[in-house]
Amino acid sequence: MKKCNKCHEVKDESEFYFRKDNNRFRNDCKVCFNTRDGLQKKAKREYNKTYWQKNKDRETERYRDWYDKTYHTEKQLSRRRRNNYSKYGLTSDQFMELWNKTDGKCYICKRPEVVERSGKVKILAIDHCHSTGIVRGLLCQNCNRALGLLKDDIEVLENAKQYLRDAYGE
């Protein structure tokens, strides 16, 4: 039998949590411990919620700074580029040749990449044939996605082209 320090009731030892760090039972019973712990968690949740509402802009900026330092360092970018090169069997010179061929713009729409992620403009996607693995060129995210959605099927692309011509009366 053991007396709880919070509610001062004498209870069986099974009513107390056992602490492995010092091989003893806690001084407060399970009921008192859970009540106190639950109140502390609830108070912490409320504090976090109000803190976030008051400091949302500052915390968002702080997170972006952390993300940029962690994931957008030159080392990370070069590792990502190396992975892309090896994934598609490209050397960095071959990649730069593709880049210079289109002046760093999308091969289809002739515009630079505009899709952003975490405030950074993404690099052009390396477009490749999924059946042969042969690299076809550099595309913006939107054009690359469009080709993928149309299953790289020339007939479907021609039908889409004709559809747009019919819609605009050309």
C-alpha atoms as a PDB file:
ATOM      1  CA  MET A   1       0.000   0.000   0.000  1.00  0.00           C
ATOM      2  CA  LYS A   2       1.167   3.506  -0.846  1.00  0.00           C
ATOM      3  CA  LYS A   3      -0.128   7.029  -0.166  1.00  0.00           C
ATOM      4  CA  CYS A   4      -0.602   9.427  -3.117  1.00  0.00           C
ATOM      5  CA  ASN A   5       1.070  12.826  -2.633  1.00  0.00           C
ATOM      6  CA  LYS A   6      -1.697  14.627  -4.555  1.00  0.00           C
ATOM      7  CA  CYS A   7      -5.020  13.181  -3.405  1.00  0.00           C
ATOM      8  CA  HIS A   8      -3.579  11.758  -0.113  1.00  0.00           C
ATOM      9  CA  GLU A   9      -5.447   8.488  -0.528  1.00  0.00           C
ATOM     10  CA  VAL A  10      -3.841   5.201   0.399  1.00  0.00           C
ATOM     11  CA  LYS A  11      -3.941   2.903  -2.613  1.00  0.00           C
ATOM     12  CA  ASP A  12      -2.525  -0.362  -3.801  1.00  0.00           C
ATOM     13  CA  GLU A  13       0.843  -0.163  -5.611  1.00  0.00           C
ATOM     14  CA  SER A  14      -0.846  -1.275  -8.826  1.00  0.00           C
ATOM     15  CA  GLU A  15      -2.551   2.158  -8.815  1.00  0.00           C
ATOM     16  CA  PHE A  16       0.859   3.862  -9.277  1.00  0.00           C
ATOM     17  CA  TYR A  17       3.057   4.002 -12.374  1.00  0.00           C
ATOM     18  CA  PHE A  18       6.445   2.327 -12.020  1.00  0.00           C
ATOM     19  CA  ARG A  19       9.475   4.439 -12.915  1.00  0.00           C
ATOM     20  CA  LYS A  20      12.192   2.463 -14.660  1.00  0.00           C
ATOM     21  CA  ASP A  21      14.795   5.191 -14.233  1.00  0.00           C
ATOM     22  CA  ASN A  22      14.967   4.781 -10.451  1.00  0.00           C
ATOM     23  CA  ASN A  23      13.120   1.457 -10.016  1.00  0.00           C
ATOM     24  CA  ARG A  24      10.406   3.005  -7.827  1.00  0.00           C
ATOM     25  CA  PHE A  25       6.732   3.782  -8.059  1.00  0.00           C
ATOM     26  CA  ARG A  26       5.696   7.373  -8.735  1.00  0.00           C
ATOM     27  CA  ASN A  27       4.579   9.451  -5.743  1.00  0.00           C
ATOM     28  CA  ASP A  28       1.248  10.383  -7.352  1.00  0.00           C
ATOM     29  CA  CYS A  29      -1.321   7.770  -8.323  1.00  0.00           C
ATOM     30  CA  LYS A  30      -2.285   7.042 -11.944  1.00  0.00           C
ATOM     31  CA  VAL A  31      -5.484   9.088 -11.685  1.00  0.00           C
ATOM     32  CA  CYS A  32      -3.721  12.183 -10.340  1.00  0.00           C
ATOM     33  CA  PHE A  33      -0.827  11.801 -12.764  1.00  0.00           C
ATOM     34  CA  ASN A  34      -3.128  11.461 -15.795  1.00  0.00           C
ATOM     35  CA  THR A  35      -5.280  14.408 -14.696  1.00  0.00           C
ATOM     36  CA  ARG A  36      -2.251  16.637 -14.245  1.00  0.00           C
ATOM     37  CA  ASP A  37      -0.622  15.379 -17.446  1.00  0.00           C
ATOM     38  CA  GLY A  38      -3.836  15.889 -19.434  1.00  0.00           C
ATOM     39  CA  LEU A  39      -4.208  19.455 -18.134  1.00  0.00           C
ATOM     40  CA  GLN A  40      -0.606  20.215 -19.007  1.00  0.00           C
ATOM     41  CA  LYS A  41      -1.039  18.873 -22.541  1.00  0.00           C
ATOM     42  CA  LYS A  42      -4.244  20.848 -23.026  1.00  0.00           C
ATOM     43  CA  ALA A  43      -2.590  24.043 -21.766  1.00  0.00           C
ATOM     44  CA  LYS A  44       0.394  23.445 -24.055  1.00  0.00           C
ATOM     45  CA  ARG A  45      -1.916  22.932 -27.067  1.00  0.00           C
ATOM     46  CA  GLU A  46      -3.750  26.178 -26.282  1.00  0.00           C
ATOM     47  CA  TYR A  47      -0.475  28.056 -25.840  1.00  0.00           C
ATOM     48  CA  ASN A  48       0.883  26.714 -29.156  1.00  0.00           C
ATOM     49  CA  LYS A  49      -2.330  27.646 -30.952  1.00  0.00           C
ATOM     50  CA  THR A  50      -2.369  31.237 -29.688  1.00  0.00           C
ATOM     51  CA  TYR A  51       1.390  31.613 -30.242  1.00  0.00           C
ATOM     52  CA  TRP A  52       1.040  30.465 -33.853  1.00  0.00           C
ATOM     53  CA  GLN A  53      -1.860  32.850 -34.481  1.00  0.00           C
ATOM     54  CA  LYS A  54       0.117  35.789 -33.100  1.00  0.00           C
ATOM     55  CA  ASN A  55       3.413  34.933 -34.814  1.00  0.00           C
ATOM     56  CA  LYS A  56       2.326  33.202 -38.015  1.00  0.00           C
ATOM     57  CA  ASP A  57       4.266  35.457 -40.394  1.00  0.00           C
ATOM     58  CA  ARG A  58       7.441  35.363 -38.335  1.00  0.00           C
ATOM     59  CA  GLU A  59       7.324  31.592 -37.865  1.00  0.00           C
ATOM     60  CA  THR A  60       6.603  31.010 -41.558  1.00  0.00           C
ATOM     61  CA  GLU A  61       9.601  33.151 -42.471  1.00  0.00           C
ATOM     62  CA  ARG A  62      11.747  31.350 -39.899  1.00  0.00           C
ATOM     63  CA  TYR A  63      10.722  27.983 -41.360  1.00  0.00           C
ATOM     64  CA  ARG A  64      11.489  29.154 -44.902  1.00  0.00           C
ATOM     65  CA  ASP A  65      14.927  30.351 -43.805  1.00  0.00           C
ATOM     66  CA  TRP A  66      15.607  26.990 -42.144  1.00  0.00           C
ATOM     67  CA  TYR A  67      14.352  25.125 -45.226  1.00  0.00           C
ATOM     68  CA  ASP A  68      16.506  27.206 -47.555  1.00  0.00           C
ATOM     69  CA  LYS A  69      19.614  26.660 -45.431  1.00  0.00           C
ATOM     70  CA  THR A  70      18.937  22.951 -45.095  1.00  0.00           C
ATOM     71  CA  TYR A  71      17.680  21.947 -48.523  1.00  0.00           C
ATOM     72  CA  HIS A  72      18.718  24.629 -50.976  1.00  0.00           C
ATOM     73  CA  THR A  73      22.412  24.875 -50.331  1.00  0.00           C
ATOM     74  CA  GLU A  74      24.686  24.625 -53.337  1.00  0.00           C
ATOM     75  CA  LYS A  75      25.811  21.207 -52.121  1.00  0.00           C
ATOM     76  CA  GLN A  76      22.205  19.928 -52.100  1.00  0.00           C
ATOM     77  CA  LEU A  77      21.515  21.365 -55.544  1.00  0.00           C
ATOM     78  CA  SER A  78      24.647  19.864 -57.024  1.00  0.00           C
ATOM     79  CA  ARG A  79      23.820  16.481 -55.464  1.00  0.00           C
ATOM     80  CA  ARG A  80      20.302  16.700 -56.920  1.00  0.00           C
ATOM     81  CA  ARG A  81      21.694  17.565 -60.349  1.00  0.00           C
ATOM     82  CA  ARG A  82      24.199  14.692 -60.152  1.00  0.00           C
ATOM     83  CA  ASN A  83      21.368  12.302 -59.276  1.00  0.00           C
ATOM     84  CA  ASN A  84      19.355  13.571 -62.244  1.00  0.00           C
ATOM     85  CA  TYR A  85      22.330  13.196 -64.561  1.00  0.00           C
ATOM     86  CA  SER A  86      23.063   9.638 -63.471  1.00  0.00           C
ATOM     87  CA  LYS A  87      19.372   8.722 -63.416  1.00  0.00           C
ATOM     88  CA  TYR A  88      19.088   9.582 -67.104  1.00  0.00           C
ATOM     89  CA  GLY A  89      22.659   8.718 -68.124  1.00  0.00           C
ATOM     90  CA  LEU A  90      23.633  12.351 -68.689  1.00  0.00           C
ATOM     91  CA  THR A  91      26.926  14.019 -67.979  1.00  0.00           C
ATOM     92  CA  SER A  92      26.915  17.588 -66.715  1.00  0.00           C
ATOM     93  CA  ASP A  93      28.238  18.693 -70.139  1.00  0.00           C
ATOM     94  CA  GLN A  94      25.323  16.971 -71.903  1.00  0.00           C
ATOM     95  CA  PHE A  95      22.897  18.654 -69.513  1.00  0.00           C
ATOM     96  CA  MET A  96      24.459  22.057 -70.180  1.00  0.00           C
ATOM     97  CA  GLU A  97      24.263  21.355 -73.921  1.00  0.00           C
ATOM     98  CA  LEU A  98      20.495  20.744 -73.560  1.00  0.00           C
ATOM     99  CA  TRP A  99      20.237  23.882 -71.423  1.00  0.00           C
ATOM    100  CA  ASN A 100      22.091  26.052 -73.938  1.00  0.00           C
ATOM    101  CA  LYS A 101      20.135  24.570 -76.855  1.00  0.00           C
ATOM    102  CA  THR A 102      16.927  26.105 -75.470  1.00  0.00           C
ATOM    103  CA  ASP A 103      18.568  29.045 -73.656  1.00  0.00           C
ATOM    104  CA  GLY A 104      17.326  27.657 -70.316  1.00  0.00           C
ATOM    105  CA  LYS A 105      13.713  27.702 -71.489  1.00  0.00           C
ATOM    106  CA  CYS A 106      11.129  24.992 -72.046  1.00  0.00           C
ATOM    107  CA  TYR A 107      11.490  23.239 -75.411  1.00  0.00           C
ATOM    108  CA  ILE A 108       7.714  23.284 -76.011  1.00  0.00           C
ATOM    109  CA  CYS A 109       6.391  26.638 -74.728  1.00  0.00           C
ATOM    110  CA  LYS A 110       9.719  28.527 -75.022  1.00  0.00           C
ATOM    111  CA  ARG A 111       9.197  30.113 -71.599  1.00  0.00           C
ATOM    112  CA  PRO A 112      11.386  29.874 -68.500  1.00  0.00           C
ATOM    113  CA  GLU A 113      10.207  27.764 -65.601  1.00  0.00           C
ATOM    114  CA  VAL A 114       7.679  29.552 -63.408  1.00  0.00           C
ATOM    115  CA  VAL A 115       6.552  26.819 -61.005  1.00  0.00           C
ATOM    116  CA  GLU A 116       7.744  27.600 -57.491  1.00  0.00           C
ATOM    117  CA  ARG A 117       8.197  25.405 -54.476  1.00  0.00           C
ATOM    118  CA  SER A 118       8.949  26.983 -51.117  1.00  0.00           C
ATOM    119  CA  GLY A 119       9.672  30.296 -52.783  1.00  0.00           C
ATOM    120  CA  LYS A 120      12.256  28.861 -55.199  1.00  0.00           C
ATOM    121  CA  VAL A 121      11.710  28.411 -58.927  1.00  0.00           C
ATOM    122  CA  LYS A 122      12.106  24.744 -59.796  1.00  0.00           C
ATOM    123  CA  ILE A 123      14.676  23.624 -62.340  1.00  0.00           C
ATOM    124  CA  LEU A 124      13.508  22.444 -65.743  1.00  0.00           C
ATOM    125  CA  ALA A 125      12.458  18.790 -65.856  1.00  0.00           C
ATOM    126  CA  ILE A 126      14.544  16.316 -67.849  1.00  0.00           C
ATOM    127  CA  ASP A 127      12.002  14.849 -70.273  1.00  0.00           C
ATOM    128  CA  HIS A 128      12.636  11.274 -71.380  1.00  0.00           C
ATOM    129  CA  CYS A 129      10.877   8.430 -73.150  1.00  0.00           C
ATOM    130  CA  HIS A 130       9.531   6.039 -70.529  1.00  0.00           C
ATOM    131  CA  SER A 131       9.871   2.963 -72.741  1.00  0.00           C
ATOM    132  CA  THR A 132      13.420   3.566 -74.042  1.00  0.00           C
ATOM    133  CA  GLY A 133      14.789   5.907 -71.351  1.00  0.00           C
ATOM    134  CA  ILE A 134      16.229   8.247 -74.015  1.00  0.00           C
ATOM    135  CA  VAL A 135      16.380  11.909 -72.954  1.00  0.00           C
ATOM    136  CA  ARG A 136      14.342  14.147 -75.274  1.00  0.00           C
ATOM    137  CA  GLY A 137      14.972  17.576 -73.788  1.00  0.00           C
ATOM    138  CA  LEU A 138      14.247  20.004 -70.960  1.00  0.00           C
ATOM    139  CA  LEU A 139      10.656  20.981 -70.243  1.00  0.00           C
ATOM    140  CA  CYS A 140       8.902  23.185 -67.727  1.00  0.00           C
ATOM    141  CA  GLN A 141       6.855  21.360 -65.095  1.00  0.00           C
ATOM    142  CA  ASN A 142       3.548  22.172 -66.824  1.00  0.00           C
ATOM    143  CA  CYS A 143       4.560  20.949 -70.292  1.00  0.00           C
ATOM    144  CA  ASN A 144       6.207  17.846 -68.835  1.00  0.00           C
ATOM    145  CA  ARG A 145       3.049  17.090 -66.872  1.00  0.00           C
ATOM    146  CA  ALA A 146       0.879  17.667 -69.963  1.00  0.00           C
ATOM    147  CA  LEU A 147       2.911  15.168 -72.008  1.00  0.00           C
ATOM    148  CA  GLY A 148       2.629  12.654 -69.196  1.00  0.00           C
ATOM    149  CA  LEU A 149      -1.121  13.104 -68.896  1.00  0.00           C
ATOM    150  CA  LEU A 150      -1.496  12.581 -72.652  1.00  0.00           C
ATOM    151  CA  LYS A 151       0.621   9.399 -72.320  1.00  0.00           C
ATOM    152  CA  ASP A 152       3.213  10.706 -74.853  1.00  0.00           C
ATOM    153  CA  ASP A 153       0.779   9.646 -77.582  1.00  0.00           C
ATOM    154  CA  ILE A 154       1.242  11.649 -80.804  1.00  0.00           C
ATOM    155  CA  GLU A 155      -2.269  10.807 -82.052  1.00  0.00           C
ATOM    156  CA  VAL A 156      -3.825  12.129 -78.829  1.00  0.00           C
ATOM    157  CA  LEU A 157      -1.700  15.282 -79.138  1.00  0.00           C
ATOM    158  CA  GLU A 158      -2.875  15.748 -82.744  1.00  0.00           C
ATOM    159  CA  ASN A 159      -6.484  15.310 -81.619  1.00  0.00           C
ATOM    160  CA  ALA A 160      -5.955  17.937 -78.900  1.00  0.00           C
ATOM    161  CA  LYS A 161      -4.411  20.275 -81.471  1.00  0.00           C
ATOM    162  CA  GLN A 162      -7.376  19.766 -83.825  1.00  0.00           C
ATOM    163  CA  TYR A 163      -9.810  20.258 -80.955  1.00  0.00           C
ATOM    164  CA  LEU A 164      -8.303  23.655 -80.156  1.00  0.00           C
ATOM    165  CA  ARG A 165      -8.325  24.656 -83.835  1.00  0.00           C
ATOM    166  CA  ASP A 166     -12.005  23.711 -84.129  1.00  0.00           C
ATOM    167  CA  ALA A 167     -12.840  25.559 -80.921  1.00  0.00           C
ATOM    168  CA  TYR A 168     -11.194  28.761 -82.172  1.00  0.00           C
ATOM    169  CA  GLY A 169     -12.460  28.382 -85.740  1.00  0.00           C
ATOM    170  CA  GLU A 170      -9.061  28.058 -87.402  1.00  0.00           C
END
